[in-house]
Amino acid sequence: MEKGEVTFTYSGVLTRNNRKLIRVRFERKGNSGIDFAEGKIPECKIEKQNGFSQEEIRQMEEYLEIEKENIIREAKKLNNIKNLLS
């Protein structure tokens, strides 16, 4: 990861309290270590963050909302791969 470059990762589909969700994480190398922002789908909200501005968080949440269906589809594929390897 290059300094300033933001990476985006997500989990497979998880079940918590009988609700399905996907955990998401944005990361970048910052001036004082790793900046991160963590949230979940379907809410498309960042719940915990360090090092990102409020405007960056707003843009991340907007990205999650726009890409929600694609992320859900890809997260389901992760679950299928996991099941094959089990």
PDB file of N, CA and C in Angstrom:
ATOM      1  N   MET A   1       0.853  -1.174   0.000  1.00  0.00           N
ATOM      2  CA  MET A   1       0.000   0.000   0.000  1.00  0.00           C
ATOM      3  C   MET A   1       0.897   1.235   0.000  1.00  0.00           C
ATOM      4  N   GLU A   2       0.663   2.117  -0.968  1.00  0.00           N
ATOM      5  CA  GLU A   2       1.389   3.375  -1.049  1.00  0.00           C
ATOM      6  C   GLU A   2       0.785   4.388  -0.074  1.00  0.00           C
ATOM      7  N   LYS A   3       1.604   5.294   0.413  1.00  0.00           N
ATOM      8  CA  LYS A   3       1.106   6.321   1.313  1.00  0.00           C
ATOM      9  C   LYS A   3       0.009   7.127   0.620  1.00  0.00           C
ATOM     10  N   GLY A   4      -1.118   7.290   1.289  1.00  0.00           N
ATOM     11  CA  GLY A   4      -2.243   8.038   0.755  1.00  0.00           C
ATOM     12  C   GLY A   4      -3.218   7.205  -0.056  1.00  0.00           C
ATOM     13  N   GLU A   5      -2.798   6.015  -0.512  1.00  0.00           N
ATOM     14  CA  GLU A   5      -3.677   5.136  -1.281  1.00  0.00           C
ATOM     15  C   GLU A   5      -4.653   4.438  -0.337  1.00  0.00           C
ATOM     16  N   VAL A   6      -5.940   4.504  -0.642  1.00  0.00           N
ATOM     17  CA  VAL A   6      -6.961   3.901   0.212  1.00  0.00           C
ATOM     18  C   VAL A   6      -7.302   2.510  -0.325  1.00  0.00           C
ATOM     19  N   THR A   7      -7.263   1.521   0.566  1.00  0.00           N
ATOM     20  CA  THR A   7      -7.698   0.179   0.200  1.00  0.00           C
ATOM     21  C   THR A   7      -9.052  -0.081   0.862  1.00  0.00           C
ATOM     22  N   PHE A   8      -9.833  -0.936   0.228  1.00  0.00           N
ATOM     23  CA  PHE A   8     -11.166  -1.261   0.703  1.00  0.00           C
ATOM     24  C   PHE A   8     -11.289  -2.772   0.767  1.00  0.00           C
ATOM     25  N   THR A   9     -11.691  -3.283   1.922  1.00  0.00           N
ATOM     26  CA  THR A   9     -11.912  -4.720   2.078  1.00  0.00           C
ATOM     27  C   THR A   9     -13.271  -4.942   2.735  1.00  0.00           C
ATOM     28  N   TYR A  10     -13.775  -6.169   2.579  1.00  0.00           N
ATOM     29  CA  TYR A  10     -15.067  -6.497   3.173  1.00  0.00           C
ATOM     30  C   TYR A  10     -15.094  -7.977   3.514  1.00  0.00           C
ATOM     31  N   SER A  11     -15.964  -8.319   4.431  1.00  0.00           N
ATOM     32  CA  SER A  11     -16.124  -9.701   4.865  1.00  0.00           C
ATOM     33  C   SER A  11     -17.120 -10.411   3.948  1.00  0.00           C
ATOM     34  N   GLY A  12     -17.276 -11.704   4.194  1.00  0.00           N
ATOM     35  CA  GLY A  12     -18.409 -12.409   3.619  1.00  0.00           C
ATOM     36  C   GLY A  12     -19.655 -11.972   4.375  1.00  0.00           C
ATOM     37  N   VAL A  13     -20.777 -12.576   4.050  1.00  0.00           N
ATOM     38  CA  VAL A  13     -22.022 -12.257   4.744  1.00  0.00           C
ATOM     39  C   VAL A  13     -21.986 -12.911   6.120  1.00  0.00           C
ATOM     40  N   LEU A  14     -22.195 -12.103   7.159  1.00  0.00           N
ATOM     41  CA  LEU A  14     -22.179 -12.564   8.545  1.00  0.00           C
ATOM     42  C   LEU A  14     -23.588 -12.496   9.115  1.00  0.00           C
ATOM     43  N   THR A  15     -23.858 -13.302  10.127  1.00  0.00           N
ATOM     44  CA  THR A  15     -25.144 -13.228  10.824  1.00  0.00           C
ATOM     45  C   THR A  15     -24.887 -12.844  12.271  1.00  0.00           C
ATOM     46  N   ARG A  16     -25.484 -11.736  12.697  1.00  0.00           N
ATOM     47  CA  ARG A  16     -25.379 -11.250  14.072  1.00  0.00           C
ATOM     48  C   ARG A  16     -26.783 -10.918  14.563  1.00  0.00           C
ATOM     49  N   ASN A  17     -27.181 -11.506  15.690  1.00  0.00           N
ATOM     50  CA  ASN A  17     -28.515 -11.250  16.249  1.00  0.00           C
ATOM     51  C   ASN A  17     -29.611 -11.462  15.200  1.00  0.00           C
ATOM     52  N   ASN A  18     -29.487 -12.563  14.460  1.00  0.00           N
ATOM     53  CA  ASN A  18     -30.454 -12.932  13.417  1.00  0.00           C
ATOM     54  C   ASN A  18     -30.546 -11.911  12.288  1.00  0.00           C
ATOM     55  N   ARG A  19     -29.523 -11.095  12.107  1.00  0.00           N
ATOM     56  CA  ARG A  19     -29.468 -10.123  11.015  1.00  0.00           C
ATOM     57  C   ARG A  19     -28.240 -10.389  10.171  1.00  0.00           C
ATOM     58  N   LYS A  20     -28.373 -10.269   8.874  1.00  0.00           N
ATOM     59  CA  LYS A  20     -27.250 -10.440   7.968  1.00  0.00           C
ATOM     60  C   LYS A  20     -26.568  -9.102   7.747  1.00  0.00           C
ATOM     61  N   LEU A  21     -25.239  -9.120   7.760  1.00  0.00           N
ATOM     62  CA  LEU A  21     -24.469  -7.905   7.539  1.00  0.00           C
ATOM     63  C   LEU A  21     -23.132  -8.236   6.916  1.00  0.00           C
ATOM     64  N   ILE A  22     -22.485  -7.217   6.403  1.00  0.00           N
ATOM     65  CA  ILE A  22     -21.147  -7.324   5.837  1.00  0.00           C
ATOM     66  C   ILE A  22     -20.306  -6.235   6.489  1.00  0.00           C
ATOM     67  N   ARG A  23     -19.173  -6.620   7.055  1.00  0.00           N
ATOM     68  CA  ARG A  23     -18.253  -5.653   7.649  1.00  0.00           C
ATOM     69  C   ARG A  23     -17.360  -5.093   6.547  1.00  0.00           C
ATOM     70  N   VAL A  24     -17.114  -3.792   6.572  1.00  0.00           N
ATOM     71  CA  VAL A  24     -16.260  -3.141   5.577  1.00  0.00           C
ATOM     72  C   VAL A  24     -15.161  -2.351   6.276  1.00  0.00           C
ATOM     73  N   ARG A  25     -14.037  -2.181   5.557  1.00  0.00           N
ATOM     74  CA  ARG A  25     -12.912  -1.442   6.134  1.00  0.00           C
ATOM     75  C   ARG A  25     -12.181  -0.689   5.027  1.00  0.00           C
ATOM     76  N   PHE A  26     -11.929   0.585   5.271  1.00  0.00           N
ATOM     77  CA  PHE A  26     -11.084   1.416   4.423  1.00  0.00           C
ATOM     78  C   PHE A  26      -9.795   1.649   5.197  1.00  0.00           C
ATOM     79  N   GLU A  27      -8.643   1.605   4.502  1.00  0.00           N
ATOM     80  CA  GLU A  27      -7.345   1.824   5.154  1.00  0.00           C
ATOM     81  C   GLU A  27      -6.424   2.614   4.243  1.00  0.00           C
ATOM     82  N   ARG A  28      -5.520   3.366   4.867  1.00  0.00           N
ATOM     83  CA  ARG A  28      -4.434   4.015   4.131  1.00  0.00           C
ATOM     84  C   ARG A  28      -3.290   4.277   5.091  1.00  0.00           C
ATOM     85  N   LYS A  29      -2.098   4.388   4.524  1.00  0.00           N
ATOM     86  CA  LYS A  29      -0.949   4.799   5.326  1.00  0.00           C
ATOM     87  C   LYS A  29      -1.054   6.300   5.508  1.00  0.00           C
ATOM     88  N   GLY A  30      -1.068   6.723   6.756  1.00  0.00           N
ATOM     89  CA  GLY A  30      -1.142   8.144   7.063  1.00  0.00           C
ATOM     90  C   GLY A  30       0.175   8.636   7.621  1.00  0.00           C
ATOM     91  N   ASN A  31       0.203   9.880   8.033  1.00  0.00           N
ATOM     92  CA  ASN A  31       1.419  10.466   8.599  1.00  0.00           C
ATOM     93  C   ASN A  31       1.791   9.848   9.937  1.00  0.00           C
ATOM     94  N   SER A  32       0.792   9.360  10.669  1.00  0.00           N
ATOM     95  CA  SER A  32       1.078   8.804  11.993  1.00  0.00           C
ATOM     96  C   SER A  32       0.645   7.344  12.087  1.00  0.00           C
ATOM     97  N   GLY A  33       0.836   6.590  11.006  1.00  0.00           N
ATOM     98  CA  GLY A  33       0.467   5.176  11.025  1.00  0.00           C
ATOM     99  C   GLY A  33      -0.636   4.878  10.035  1.00  0.00           C
ATOM    100  N   ILE A  34      -1.454   3.902  10.378  1.00  0.00           N
ATOM    101  CA  ILE A  34      -2.538   3.475   9.496  1.00  0.00           C
ATOM    102  C   ILE A  34      -3.837   4.197   9.869  1.00  0.00           C
ATOM    103  N   ASP A  35      -4.404   4.903   8.895  1.00  0.00           N
ATOM    104  CA  ASP A  35      -5.729   5.482   9.052  1.00  0.00           C
ATOM    105  C   ASP A  35      -6.728   4.396   8.686  1.00  0.00           C
ATOM    106  N   PHE A  36      -7.854   4.335   9.386  1.00  0.00           N
ATOM    107  CA  PHE A  36      -8.855   3.315   9.071  1.00  0.00           C
ATOM    108  C   PHE A  36     -10.259   3.855   9.318  1.00  0.00           C
ATOM    109  N   ALA A  37     -11.202   3.221   8.635  1.00  0.00           N
ATOM    110  CA  ALA A  37     -12.623   3.495   8.844  1.00  0.00           C
ATOM    111  C   ALA A  37     -13.341   2.167   8.687  1.00  0.00           C
ATOM    112  N   GLU A  38     -14.155   1.807   9.685  1.00  0.00           N
ATOM    113  CA  GLU A  38     -14.873   0.532   9.672  1.00  0.00           C
ATOM    114  C   GLU A  38     -16.373   0.791   9.757  1.00  0.00           C
ATOM    115  N   GLY A  39     -17.116   0.007   9.004  1.00  0.00           N
ATOM    116  CA  GLY A  39     -18.561   0.142   9.023  1.00  0.00           C
ATOM    117  C   GLY A  39     -19.226  -1.145   8.605  1.00  0.00           C
ATOM    118  N   LYS A  40     -20.503  -1.035   8.236  1.00  0.00           N
ATOM    119  CA  LYS A  40     -21.212  -2.239   7.818  1.00  0.00           C
ATOM    120  C   LYS A  40     -22.281  -1.917   6.796  1.00  0.00           C
ATOM    121  N   ILE A  41     -22.613  -2.938   6.065  1.00  0.00           N
ATOM    122  CA  ILE A  41     -23.707  -2.931   5.108  1.00  0.00           C
ATOM    123  C   ILE A  41     -24.729  -3.906   5.664  1.00  0.00           C
ATOM    124  N   PRO A  42     -26.014  -3.627   5.666  1.00  0.00           N
ATOM    125  CA  PRO A  42     -26.731  -2.739   4.766  1.00  0.00           C
ATOM    126  C   PRO A  42     -26.877  -1.304   5.237  1.00  0.00           C
ATOM    127  N   GLU A  43     -26.447  -0.966   6.440  1.00  0.00           N
ATOM    128  CA  GLU A  43     -26.632   0.397   6.953  1.00  0.00           C
ATOM    129  C   GLU A  43     -25.837   1.437   6.172  1.00  0.00           C
ATOM    130  N   CYS A  44     -24.698   1.022   5.613  1.00  0.00           N
ATOM    131  CA  CYS A  44     -23.825   1.929   4.856  1.00  0.00           C
ATOM    132  C   CYS A  44     -23.335   3.082   5.734  1.00  0.00           C
ATOM    133  N   LYS A  45     -23.016   2.763   6.976  1.00  0.00           N
ATOM    134  CA  LYS A  45     -22.543   3.759   7.931  1.00  0.00           C
ATOM    135  C   LYS A  45     -21.166   3.363   8.453  1.00  0.00           C
ATOM    136  N   ILE A  46     -20.297   4.357   8.587  1.00  0.00           N
ATOM    137  CA  ILE A  46     -18.999   4.148   9.224  1.00  0.00           C
ATOM    138  C   ILE A  46     -19.228   4.266  10.725  1.00  0.00           C
ATOM    139  N   GLU A  47     -18.788   3.245  11.465  1.00  0.00           N
ATOM    140  CA  GLU A  47     -19.023   3.200  12.912  1.00  0.00           C
ATOM    141  C   GLU A  47     -17.794   3.585  13.732  1.00  0.00           C
ATOM    142  N   LYS A  48     -16.631   3.340  13.157  1.00  0.00           N
ATOM    143  CA  LYS A  48     -15.396   3.601  13.890  1.00  0.00           C
ATOM    144  C   LYS A  48     -14.358   4.064  12.882  1.00  0.00           C
ATOM    145  N   GLN A  49     -13.590   5.108  13.252  1.00  0.00           N
ATOM    146  CA  GLN A  49     -12.582   5.595  12.319  1.00  0.00           C
ATOM    147  C   GLN A  49     -11.482   6.338  13.058  1.00  0.00           C
ATOM    148  N   ASN A  50     -10.333   6.402  12.393  1.00  0.00           N
ATOM    149  CA  ASN A  50      -9.215   7.174  12.912  1.00  0.00           C
ATOM    150  C   ASN A  50      -8.413   7.695  11.724  1.00  0.00           C
ATOM    151  N   GLY A  51      -8.252   9.010  11.647  1.00  0.00           N
ATOM    152  CA  GLY A  51      -7.382   9.608  10.651  1.00  0.00           C
ATOM    153  C   GLY A  51      -8.055  10.145   9.404  1.00  0.00           C
ATOM    154  N   PHE A  52      -9.333   9.870   9.207  1.00  0.00           N
ATOM    155  CA  PHE A  52     -10.050  10.392   8.047  1.00  0.00           C
ATOM    156  C   PHE A  52     -10.858  11.619   8.455  1.00  0.00           C
ATOM    157  N   SER A  53     -11.036  12.542   7.515  1.00  0.00           N
ATOM    158  CA  SER A  53     -11.845  13.738   7.785  1.00  0.00           C
ATOM    159  C   SER A  53     -13.332  13.390   7.707  1.00  0.00           C
ATOM    160  N   GLN A  54     -14.165  14.276   8.224  1.00  0.00           N
ATOM    161  CA  GLN A  54     -15.609  14.072   8.149  1.00  0.00           C
ATOM    162  C   GLN A  54     -16.083  14.028   6.693  1.00  0.00           C
ATOM    163  N   GLU A  55     -15.477  14.815   5.832  1.00  0.00           N
ATOM    164  CA  GLU A  55     -15.831  14.796   4.408  1.00  0.00           C
ATOM    165  C   GLU A  55     -15.457  13.447   3.786  1.00  0.00           C
ATOM    166  N   GLU A  56     -14.299  12.909   4.139  1.00  0.00           N
ATOM    167  CA  GLU A  56     -13.912  11.595   3.627  1.00  0.00           C
ATOM    168  C   GLU A  56     -14.880  10.514   4.104  1.00  0.00           C
ATOM    169  N   ILE A  57     -15.300  10.593   5.360  1.00  0.00           N
ATOM    170  CA  ILE A  57     -16.264   9.627   5.897  1.00  0.00           C
ATOM    171  C   ILE A  57     -17.585   9.738   5.138  1.00  0.00           C
ATOM    172  N   ARG A  58     -18.038  10.948   4.873  1.00  0.00           N
ATOM    173  CA  ARG A  58     -19.268  11.151   4.105  1.00  0.00           C
ATOM    174  C   ARG A  58     -19.144  10.508   2.722  1.00  0.00           C
ATOM    175  N   GLN A  59     -17.991  10.679   2.081  1.00  0.00           N
ATOM    176  CA  GLN A  59     -17.775  10.096   0.761  1.00  0.00           C
ATOM    177  C   GLN A  59     -17.744   8.564   0.825  1.00  0.00           C
ATOM    178  N   MET A  60     -17.170   8.016   1.878  1.00  0.00           N
ATOM    179  CA  MET A  60     -17.151   6.558   2.045  1.00  0.00           C
ATOM    180  C   MET A  60     -18.561   6.016   2.207  1.00  0.00           C
ATOM    181  N   GLU A  61     -19.360   6.668   3.023  1.00  0.00           N
ATOM    182  CA  GLU A  61     -20.734   6.223   3.228  1.00  0.00           C
ATOM    183  C   GLU A  61     -21.544   6.332   1.936  1.00  0.00           C
ATOM    184  N   GLU A  62     -21.300   7.375   1.171  1.00  0.00           N
ATOM    185  CA  GLU A  62     -21.961   7.529  -0.124  1.00  0.00           C
ATOM    186  C   GLU A  62     -21.532   6.404  -1.071  1.00  0.00           C
ATOM    187  N   TYR A  63     -20.247   6.089  -1.081  1.00  0.00           N
ATOM    188  CA  TYR A  63     -19.740   4.990  -1.904  1.00  0.00           C
ATOM    189  C   TYR A  63     -20.414   3.675  -1.514  1.00  0.00           C
ATOM    190  N   LEU A  64     -20.512   3.405  -0.213  1.00  0.00           N
ATOM    191  CA  LEU A  64     -21.153   2.173   0.252  1.00  0.00           C
ATOM    192  C   LEU A  64     -22.600   2.096  -0.218  1.00  0.00           C
ATOM    193  N   GLU A  65     -23.309   3.203  -0.151  1.00  0.00           N
ATOM    194  CA  GLU A  65     -24.708   3.226  -0.585  1.00  0.00           C
ATOM    195  C   GLU A  65     -24.815   2.949  -2.083  1.00  0.00           C
ATOM    196  N   ILE A  66     -23.976   3.583  -2.868  1.00  0.00           N
ATOM    197  CA  ILE A  66     -24.003   3.409  -4.326  1.00  0.00           C
ATOM    198  C   ILE A  66     -23.620   1.982  -4.722  1.00  0.00           C
ATOM    199  N   GLU A  67     -22.620   1.407  -4.051  1.00  0.00           N
ATOM    200  CA  GLU A  67     -22.079   0.098  -4.414  1.00  0.00           C
ATOM    201  C   GLU A  67     -22.646  -1.060  -3.595  1.00  0.00           C
ATOM    202  N   LYS A  68     -23.632  -0.780  -2.764  1.00  0.00           N
ATOM    203  CA  LYS A  68     -24.154  -1.782  -1.827  1.00  0.00           C
ATOM    204  C   LYS A  68     -24.513  -3.101  -2.508  1.00  0.00           C
ATOM    205  N   GLU A  69     -25.271  -3.065  -3.573  1.00  0.00           N
ATOM    206  CA  GLU A  69     -25.706  -4.305  -4.229  1.00  0.00           C
ATOM    207  C   GLU A  69     -24.516  -5.094  -4.780  1.00  0.00           C
ATOM    208  N   ASN A  70     -23.536  -4.400  -5.363  1.00  0.00           N
ATOM    209  CA  ASN A  70     -22.340  -5.079  -5.871  1.00  0.00           C
ATOM    210  C   ASN A  70     -21.536  -5.709  -4.741  1.00  0.00           C
ATOM    211  N   ILE A  71     -21.397  -4.990  -3.636  1.00  0.00           N
ATOM    212  CA  ILE A  71     -20.637  -5.514  -2.497  1.00  0.00           C
ATOM    213  C   ILE A  71     -21.350  -6.729  -1.916  1.00  0.00           C
ATOM    214  N   ILE A  72     -22.659  -6.676  -1.791  1.00  0.00           N
ATOM    215  CA  ILE A  72     -23.416  -7.822  -1.269  1.00  0.00           C
ATOM    216  C   ILE A  72     -23.220  -9.029  -2.179  1.00  0.00           C
ATOM    217  N   ARG A  73     -23.323  -8.820  -3.483  1.00  0.00           N
ATOM    218  CA  ARG A  73     -23.149  -9.920  -4.432  1.00  0.00           C
ATOM    219  C   ARG A  73     -21.757 -10.557  -4.296  1.00  0.00           C
ATOM    220  N   GLU A  74     -20.727  -9.724  -4.192  1.00  0.00           N
ATOM    221  CA  GLU A  74     -19.360 -10.240  -4.079  1.00  0.00           C
ATOM    222  C   GLU A  74     -19.126 -10.901  -2.715  1.00  0.00           C
ATOM    223  N   ALA A  75     -19.723 -10.365  -1.666  1.00  0.00           N
ATOM    224  CA  ALA A  75     -19.572 -10.964  -0.328  1.00  0.00           C
ATOM    225  C   ALA A  75     -20.204 -12.347  -0.288  1.00  0.00           C
ATOM    226  N   LYS A  76     -21.316 -12.527  -0.983  1.00  0.00           N
ATOM    227  CA  LYS A  76     -21.952 -13.850  -1.046  1.00  0.00           C
ATOM    228  C   LYS A  76     -21.031 -14.854  -1.721  1.00  0.00           C
ATOM    229  N   LYS A  77     -20.273 -14.413  -2.710  1.00  0.00           N
ATOM    230  CA  LYS A  77     -19.306 -15.292  -3.377  1.00  0.00           C
ATOM    231  C   LYS A  77     -18.236 -15.754  -2.386  1.00  0.00           C
ATOM    232  N   LEU A  78     -17.823 -14.859  -1.501  1.00  0.00           N
ATOM    233  CA  LEU A  78     -16.837 -15.241  -0.480  1.00  0.00           C
ATOM    234  C   LEU A  78     -17.385 -16.355   0.395  1.00  0.00           C
ATOM    235  N   ASN A  79     -18.652 -16.283   0.751  1.00  0.00           N
ATOM    236  CA  ASN A  79     -19.264 -17.332   1.550  1.00  0.00           C
ATOM    237  C   ASN A  79     -19.269 -18.656   0.786  1.00  0.00           C
ATOM    238  N   ASN A  80     -19.551 -18.612  -0.515  1.00  0.00           N
ATOM    239  CA  ASN A  80     -19.558 -19.838  -1.317  1.00  0.00           C
ATOM    240  C   ASN A  80     -18.177 -20.471  -1.375  1.00  0.00           C
ATOM    241  N   ILE A  81     -17.135 -19.674  -1.517  1.00  0.00           N
ATOM    242  CA  ILE A  81     -15.768 -20.193  -1.547  1.00  0.00           C
ATOM    243  C   ILE A  81     -15.434 -20.810  -0.197  1.00  0.00           C
ATOM    244  N   LYS A  82     -15.792 -20.132   0.887  1.00  0.00           N
ATOM    245  CA  LYS A  82     -15.531 -20.649   2.226  1.00  0.00           C
ATOM    246  C   LYS A  82     -16.205 -21.998   2.421  1.00  0.00           C
ATOM    247  N   ASN A  83     -17.440 -22.125   1.954  1.00  0.00           N
ATOM    248  CA  ASN A  83     -18.163 -23.397   2.089  1.00  0.00           C
ATOM    249  C   ASN A  83     -17.494 -24.507   1.298  1.00  0.00           C
ATOM    250  N   LEU A  84     -16.947 -24.200   0.142  1.00  0.00           N
ATOM    251  CA  LEU A  84     -16.247 -25.205  -0.652  1.00  0.00           C
ATOM    252  C   LEU A  84     -15.004 -25.732   0.063  1.00  0.00           C
ATOM    253  N   LEU A  85     -14.338 -24.844   0.782  1.00  0.00           N
ATOM    254  CA  LEU A  85     -13.094 -25.218   1.462  1.00  0.00           C
ATOM    255  C   LEU A  85     -13.325 -25.875   2.810  1.00  0.00           C
ATOM    256  N   SER A  86     -14.524 -25.840   3.307  1.00  0.00           N
ATOM    257  CA  SER A  86     -14.831 -26.420   4.633  1.00  0.00           C
ATOM    258  C   SER A  86     -14.946 -27.910   4.571  1.00  0.00           C
TER     259      SER A  86
END
